[in-house]
Amino acid sequence: MAKKEHKKNKETELEEKEEVEVINPLEEEIEKLQAEVAKLKNEYARAYADTENMRKRLQNEADQARKYRIQGFALEILPVIDNLERALGQKLESEEANNFRTGLKMIYDQLVNALKNEGVEEVEVLDKPYDPNFAQAIATEKVDGKESGLVLEVFQKGYKLKDRILRAAMVKISE
């Protein structure tokens, strides 16, 4: 009987050994698959983050483009406004010339209002301390009673579009 039991024990051991051998490759396969799943989850998270970052960047660029869409047009119109201001500054003698001036003034006002509605505004620098961010000094003059660095005269107006400078003012400052 001991032989039979010994034979049974050997068979049982062999079966258990076969099971262990079968289980080990399965466990290894499971570990490989789990590692691959973790790797794919990480790649997915990175791809998702990259996509979100690109979406946010494109949205920001689109917002900036909408915000400053009129910039090119405004830069081309500013010399026209300068010329209208020069024409309106002329002294006129005749009634007909004054009527013509009134028409020019109406056109000028409409143009300035249209630009203002789009966020284009004149930069006020006259009688203020000189700021190189808003004005370009092209002349200096020593004036009694004025402190140094004040804007005395504006040769060409400066303009900004919302929070961006379109054109710096050309000014004369005190020494």
C-alpha atoms as a PDB file:
ATOM      1  CA  MET A   1       0.000   0.000   0.000  1.00  0.00           C
ATOM      2  CA  ALA A   2       2.832   2.294   0.675  1.00  0.00           C
ATOM      3  CA  LYS A   3       3.909   1.832  -2.896  1.00  0.00           C
ATOM      4  CA  LYS A   4       0.490   2.832  -4.140  1.00  0.00           C
ATOM      5  CA  GLU A   5       0.463   5.836  -1.869  1.00  0.00           C
ATOM      6  CA  HIS A   6       3.962   6.767  -2.931  1.00  0.00           C
ATOM      7  CA  LYS A   7       2.905   6.454  -6.574  1.00  0.00           C
ATOM      8  CA  LYS A   8      -0.178   8.608  -5.895  1.00  0.00           C
ATOM      9  CA  ASN A   9       1.936  11.203  -4.125  1.00  0.00           C
ATOM     10  CA  LYS A  10       4.326  11.288  -7.084  1.00  0.00           C
ATOM     11  CA  GLU A  11       1.428  11.684  -9.494  1.00  0.00           C
ATOM     12  CA  THR A  12      -0.045  14.433  -7.338  1.00  0.00           C
ATOM     13  CA  GLU A  13       3.324  16.156  -7.196  1.00  0.00           C
ATOM     14  CA  LEU A  14       3.667  15.883 -10.962  1.00  0.00           C
ATOM     15  CA  GLU A  15       0.185  17.297 -11.462  1.00  0.00           C
ATOM     16  CA  GLU A  16       0.908  20.151  -9.043  1.00  0.00           C
ATOM     17  CA  LYS A  17       4.225  20.764 -10.788  1.00  0.00           C
ATOM     18  CA  GLU A  18       2.457  20.867 -14.148  1.00  0.00           C
ATOM     19  CA  GLU A  19      -0.129  23.258 -12.686  1.00  0.00           C
ATOM     20  CA  VAL A  20       2.640  25.471 -11.303  1.00  0.00           C
ATOM     21  CA  GLU A  21       4.381  25.397 -14.674  1.00  0.00           C
ATOM     22  CA  VAL A  22       1.087  26.273 -16.377  1.00  0.00           C
ATOM     23  CA  ILE A  23       0.321  28.999 -13.803  1.00  0.00           C
ATOM     24  CA  ASN A  24       3.762  30.597 -14.061  1.00  0.00           C
ATOM     25  CA  PRO A  25       3.525  31.272 -17.820  1.00  0.00           C
ATOM     26  CA  LEU A  26      -0.014  32.619 -17.321  1.00  0.00           C
ATOM     27  CA  GLU A  27       1.098  34.871 -14.490  1.00  0.00           C
ATOM     28  CA  GLU A  28       3.993  36.090 -16.607  1.00  0.00           C
ATOM     29  CA  GLU A  29       1.582  36.790 -19.476  1.00  0.00           C
ATOM     30  CA  ILE A  30      -0.744  38.652 -17.080  1.00  0.00           C
ATOM     31  CA  GLU A  31       2.164  40.747 -15.794  1.00  0.00           C
ATOM     32  CA  LYS A  32       3.246  41.553 -19.356  1.00  0.00           C
ATOM     33  CA  LEU A  33      -0.287  42.559 -20.301  1.00  0.00           C
ATOM     34  CA  GLN A  34      -0.660  44.690 -17.155  1.00  0.00           C
ATOM     35  CA  ALA A  35       2.619  46.444 -17.934  1.00  0.00           C
ATOM     36  CA  GLU A  36       1.455  47.043 -21.511  1.00  0.00           C
ATOM     37  CA  VAL A  37      -1.894  48.410 -20.264  1.00  0.00           C
ATOM     38  CA  ALA A  38      -0.067  50.776 -17.890  1.00  0.00           C
ATOM     39  CA  LYS A  39       2.188  51.898 -20.741  1.00  0.00           C
ATOM     40  CA  LEU A  40      -0.783  52.491 -23.054  1.00  0.00           C
ATOM     41  CA  LYS A  41      -2.651  54.406 -20.331  1.00  0.00           C
ATOM     42  CA  ASN A  42       0.404  56.639 -19.887  1.00  0.00           C
ATOM     43  CA  GLU A  43       0.668  57.232 -23.646  1.00  0.00           C
ATOM     44  CA  TYR A  44      -3.054  58.010 -23.801  1.00  0.00           C
ATOM     45  CA  ALA A  45      -2.754  60.503 -20.938  1.00  0.00           C
ATOM     46  CA  ARG A  46       0.163  62.224 -22.687  1.00  0.00           C
ATOM     47  CA  ALA A  47      -1.656  62.337 -26.013  1.00  0.00           C
ATOM     48  CA  TYR A  48      -4.762  63.737 -24.305  1.00  0.00           C
ATOM     49  CA  ALA A  49      -2.695  66.387 -22.496  1.00  0.00           C
ATOM     50  CA  ASP A  50      -0.945  67.341 -25.760  1.00  0.00           C
ATOM     51  CA  THR A  51      -4.305  67.640 -27.499  1.00  0.00           C
ATOM     52  CA  GLU A  52      -5.708  69.810 -24.698  1.00  0.00           C
ATOM     53  CA  ASN A  53      -2.632  72.047 -24.752  1.00  0.00           C
ATOM     54  CA  MET A  54      -2.914  72.441 -28.523  1.00  0.00           C
ATOM     55  CA  ARG A  55      -6.633  73.206 -28.249  1.00  0.00           C
ATOM     56  CA  LYS A  56      -5.954  75.884 -25.616  1.00  0.00           C
ATOM     57  CA  ARG A  57      -3.109  77.378 -27.675  1.00  0.00           C
ATOM     58  CA  LEU A  58      -5.241  77.497 -30.827  1.00  0.00           C
ATOM     59  CA  GLN A  59      -8.131  79.032 -28.877  1.00  0.00           C
ATOM     60  CA  ASN A  60      -5.782  81.675 -27.482  1.00  0.00           C
ATOM     61  CA  GLU A  61      -4.422  82.437 -30.952  1.00  0.00           C
ATOM     62  CA  ALA A  62      -7.960  82.736 -32.319  1.00  0.00           C
ATOM     63  CA  ASP A  63      -8.922  85.076 -29.465  1.00  0.00           C
ATOM     64  CA  GLN A  64      -5.854  87.223 -30.147  1.00  0.00           C
ATOM     65  CA  ALA A  65      -6.639  87.311 -33.868  1.00  0.00           C
ATOM     66  CA  ARG A  66     -10.202  88.447 -33.141  1.00  0.00           C
ATOM     67  CA  LYS A  67      -9.048  91.010 -30.580  1.00  0.00           C
ATOM     68  CA  TYR A  68      -6.514  92.627 -32.923  1.00  0.00           C
ATOM     69  CA  ARG A  69      -8.191  91.909 -36.275  1.00  0.00           C
ATOM     70  CA  ILE A  70      -8.381  95.593 -37.181  1.00  0.00           C
ATOM     71  CA  GLN A  71      -4.709  96.337 -36.514  1.00  0.00           C
ATOM     72  CA  GLY A  72      -3.544  96.276 -40.149  1.00  0.00           C
ATOM     73  CA  PHE A  73      -6.458  98.387 -41.336  1.00  0.00           C
ATOM     74  CA  ALA A  74      -6.006 100.886 -38.500  1.00  0.00           C
ATOM     75  CA  LEU A  75      -2.313 101.308 -39.316  1.00  0.00           C
ATOM     76  CA  GLU A  76      -3.227 102.155 -42.915  1.00  0.00           C
ATOM     77  CA  ILE A  77      -5.976 104.590 -41.866  1.00  0.00           C
ATOM     78  CA  LEU A  78      -3.911 106.574 -39.332  1.00  0.00           C
ATOM     79  CA  PRO A  79      -2.084 108.607 -42.031  1.00  0.00           C
ATOM     80  CA  VAL A  80      -5.490 109.478 -43.530  1.00  0.00           C
ATOM     81  CA  ILE A  81      -6.627 110.761 -40.136  1.00  0.00           C
ATOM     82  CA  ASP A  82      -3.388 112.775 -39.847  1.00  0.00           C
ATOM     83  CA  ASN A  83      -4.048 114.383 -43.239  1.00  0.00           C
ATOM     84  CA  LEU A  84      -7.655 115.165 -42.338  1.00  0.00           C
ATOM     85  CA  GLU A  85      -6.446 116.847 -39.127  1.00  0.00           C
ATOM     86  CA  ARG A  86      -3.963 118.947 -41.116  1.00  0.00           C
ATOM     87  CA  ALA A  87      -6.703 119.975 -43.556  1.00  0.00           C
ATOM     88  CA  LEU A  88      -9.061 120.849 -40.697  1.00  0.00           C
ATOM     89  CA  GLY A  89      -6.336 122.947 -39.064  1.00  0.00           C
ATOM     90  CA  GLN A  90      -6.118 125.340 -42.003  1.00  0.00           C
ATOM     91  CA  LYS A  91      -7.637 128.840 -41.698  1.00  0.00           C
ATOM     92  CA  LEU A  92     -10.328 129.394 -44.307  1.00  0.00           C
ATOM     93  CA  GLU A  93     -11.683 132.702 -45.563  1.00  0.00           C
ATOM     94  CA  SER A  94     -14.686 131.965 -47.763  1.00  0.00           C
ATOM     95  CA  GLU A  95     -18.105 130.570 -46.887  1.00  0.00           C
ATOM     96  CA  GLU A  96     -17.734 127.850 -49.517  1.00  0.00           C
ATOM     97  CA  ALA A  97     -14.416 126.730 -47.987  1.00  0.00           C
ATOM     98  CA  ASN A  98     -16.028 126.641 -44.536  1.00  0.00           C
ATOM     99  CA  ASN A  99     -18.819 124.406 -45.890  1.00  0.00           C
ATOM    100  CA  PHE A 100     -16.172 122.142 -47.367  1.00  0.00           C
ATOM    101  CA  ARG A 101     -14.374 122.125 -43.971  1.00  0.00           C
ATOM    102  CA  THR A 102     -17.628 121.158 -42.222  1.00  0.00           C
ATOM    103  CA  GLY A 103     -17.982 118.166 -44.543  1.00  0.00           C
ATOM    104  CA  LEU A 104     -14.389 117.125 -43.879  1.00  0.00           C
ATOM    105  CA  LYS A 105     -15.003 117.444 -40.126  1.00  0.00           C
ATOM    106  CA  MET A 106     -18.020 115.129 -40.393  1.00  0.00           C
ATOM    107  CA  ILE A 107     -15.964 112.537 -42.291  1.00  0.00           C
ATOM    108  CA  TYR A 108     -13.130 112.848 -39.762  1.00  0.00           C
ATOM    109  CA  ASP A 109     -15.516 112.380 -36.821  1.00  0.00           C
ATOM    110  CA  GLN A 110     -17.114 109.311 -38.411  1.00  0.00           C
ATOM    111  CA  LEU A 111     -13.727 107.759 -39.081  1.00  0.00           C
ATOM    112  CA  VAL A 112     -12.454 108.430 -35.551  1.00  0.00           C
ATOM    113  CA  ASN A 113     -15.683 107.051 -34.023  1.00  0.00           C
ATOM    114  CA  ALA A 114     -15.515 103.911 -36.172  1.00  0.00           C
ATOM    115  CA  LEU A 115     -11.949 103.290 -35.021  1.00  0.00           C
ATOM    116  CA  LYS A 116     -12.873 104.032 -31.412  1.00  0.00           C
ATOM    117  CA  ASN A 117     -15.689 101.471 -31.625  1.00  0.00           C
ATOM    118  CA  GLU A 118     -13.064  98.896 -32.624  1.00  0.00           C
ATOM    119  CA  GLY A 119     -10.793  99.822 -29.703  1.00  0.00           C
ATOM    120  CA  VAL A 120      -8.430 102.294 -31.403  1.00  0.00           C
ATOM    121  CA  GLU A 121      -7.759 105.310 -29.196  1.00  0.00           C
ATOM    122  CA  GLU A 122      -5.403 108.251 -29.199  1.00  0.00           C
ATOM    123  CA  VAL A 123      -2.591 108.099 -26.648  1.00  0.00           C
ATOM    124  CA  GLU A 124      -2.693 111.278 -24.554  1.00  0.00           C
ATOM    125  CA  VAL A 125       0.878 112.454 -23.927  1.00  0.00           C
ATOM    126  CA  LEU A 126       0.767 116.281 -24.032  1.00  0.00           C
ATOM    127  CA  ASP A 127       1.845 117.940 -20.738  1.00  0.00           C
ATOM    128  CA  LYS A 128       2.557 114.536 -19.201  1.00  0.00           C
ATOM    129  CA  PRO A 129       5.888 112.994 -18.234  1.00  0.00           C
ATOM    130  CA  TYR A 130       7.665 111.472 -21.219  1.00  0.00           C
ATOM    131  CA  ASP A 131       7.162 107.690 -21.449  1.00  0.00           C
ATOM    132  CA  PRO A 132       9.184 105.949 -24.184  1.00  0.00           C
ATOM    133  CA  ASN A 133       6.558 103.179 -24.291  1.00  0.00           C
ATOM    134  CA  PHE A 134       4.009 105.605 -25.727  1.00  0.00           C
ATOM    135  CA  ALA A 135       6.038 108.338 -27.384  1.00  0.00           C
ATOM    136  CA  GLN A 136       9.190 108.892 -29.383  1.00  0.00           C
ATOM    137  CA  ALA A 137      11.142 112.047 -28.542  1.00  0.00           C
ATOM    138  CA  ILE A 138      12.377 113.704 -31.721  1.00  0.00           C
ATOM    139  CA  ALA A 139      13.229 117.108 -30.222  1.00  0.00           C
ATOM    140  CA  THR A 140      14.053 118.702 -26.887  1.00  0.00           C
ATOM    141  CA  GLU A 141      13.725 122.273 -25.700  1.00  0.00           C
ATOM    142  CA  LYS A 142      14.677 124.072 -22.527  1.00  0.00           C
ATOM    143  CA  VAL A 143      11.624 125.889 -21.183  1.00  0.00           C
ATOM    144  CA  ASP A 144      11.619 128.008 -18.014  1.00  0.00           C
ATOM    145  CA  GLY A 145       8.996 126.945 -15.493  1.00  0.00           C
ATOM    146  CA  LYS A 146       8.610 123.424 -16.920  1.00  0.00           C
ATOM    147  CA  GLU A 147      10.174 120.436 -15.266  1.00  0.00           C
ATOM    148  CA  SER A 148      12.490 118.200 -17.233  1.00  0.00           C
ATOM    149  CA  GLY A 149      10.949 115.297 -19.152  1.00  0.00           C
ATOM    150  CA  LEU A 150       7.502 116.788 -19.828  1.00  0.00           C
ATOM    151  CA  VAL A 151       5.984 116.505 -23.283  1.00  0.00           C
ATOM    152  CA  LEU A 152       5.779 120.031 -24.688  1.00  0.00           C
ATOM    153  CA  GLU A 153       4.457 119.433 -28.178  1.00  0.00           C
ATOM    154  CA  VAL A 154       3.020 116.550 -30.183  1.00  0.00           C
ATOM    155  CA  PHE A 155       4.160 116.424 -33.818  1.00  0.00           C
ATOM    156  CA  GLN A 156       2.274 113.236 -34.640  1.00  0.00           C
ATOM    157  CA  LYS A 157      -0.390 111.632 -32.481  1.00  0.00           C
ATOM    158  CA  GLY A 158       0.111 108.174 -31.086  1.00  0.00           C
ATOM    159  CA  TYR A 159      -2.577 105.498 -31.085  1.00  0.00           C
ATOM    160  CA  LYS A 160      -3.208 102.240 -29.294  1.00  0.00           C
ATOM    161  CA  LEU A 161      -5.466  99.304 -30.088  1.00  0.00           C
ATOM    162  CA  LYS A 162      -6.959  98.060 -26.825  1.00  0.00           C
ATOM    163  CA  ASP A 163      -3.772  97.319 -24.840  1.00  0.00           C
ATOM    164  CA  ARG A 164      -1.298  97.350 -27.753  1.00  0.00           C
ATOM    165  CA  ILE A 165       0.510 100.404 -29.138  1.00  0.00           C
ATOM    166  CA  LEU A 166      -0.209 100.879 -32.840  1.00  0.00           C
ATOM    167  CA  ARG A 167       1.950 103.940 -33.327  1.00  0.00           C
ATOM    168  CA  ALA A 168       4.003 105.888 -30.824  1.00  0.00           C
ATOM    169  CA  ALA A 169       3.497 109.640 -30.683  1.00  0.00           C
ATOM    170  CA  MET A 170       6.307 111.866 -32.002  1.00  0.00           C
ATOM    171  CA  VAL A 171       6.938 114.551 -29.436  1.00  0.00           C
ATOM    172  CA  LYS A 172       9.146 117.386 -28.212  1.00  0.00           C
ATOM    173  CA  ILE A 173      10.132 117.152 -24.541  1.00  0.00           C
ATOM    174  CA  SER A 174      11.524 119.648 -22.065  1.00  0.00           C
ATOM    175  CA  GLU A 175      15.129 119.437 -20.915  1.00  0.00           C
END
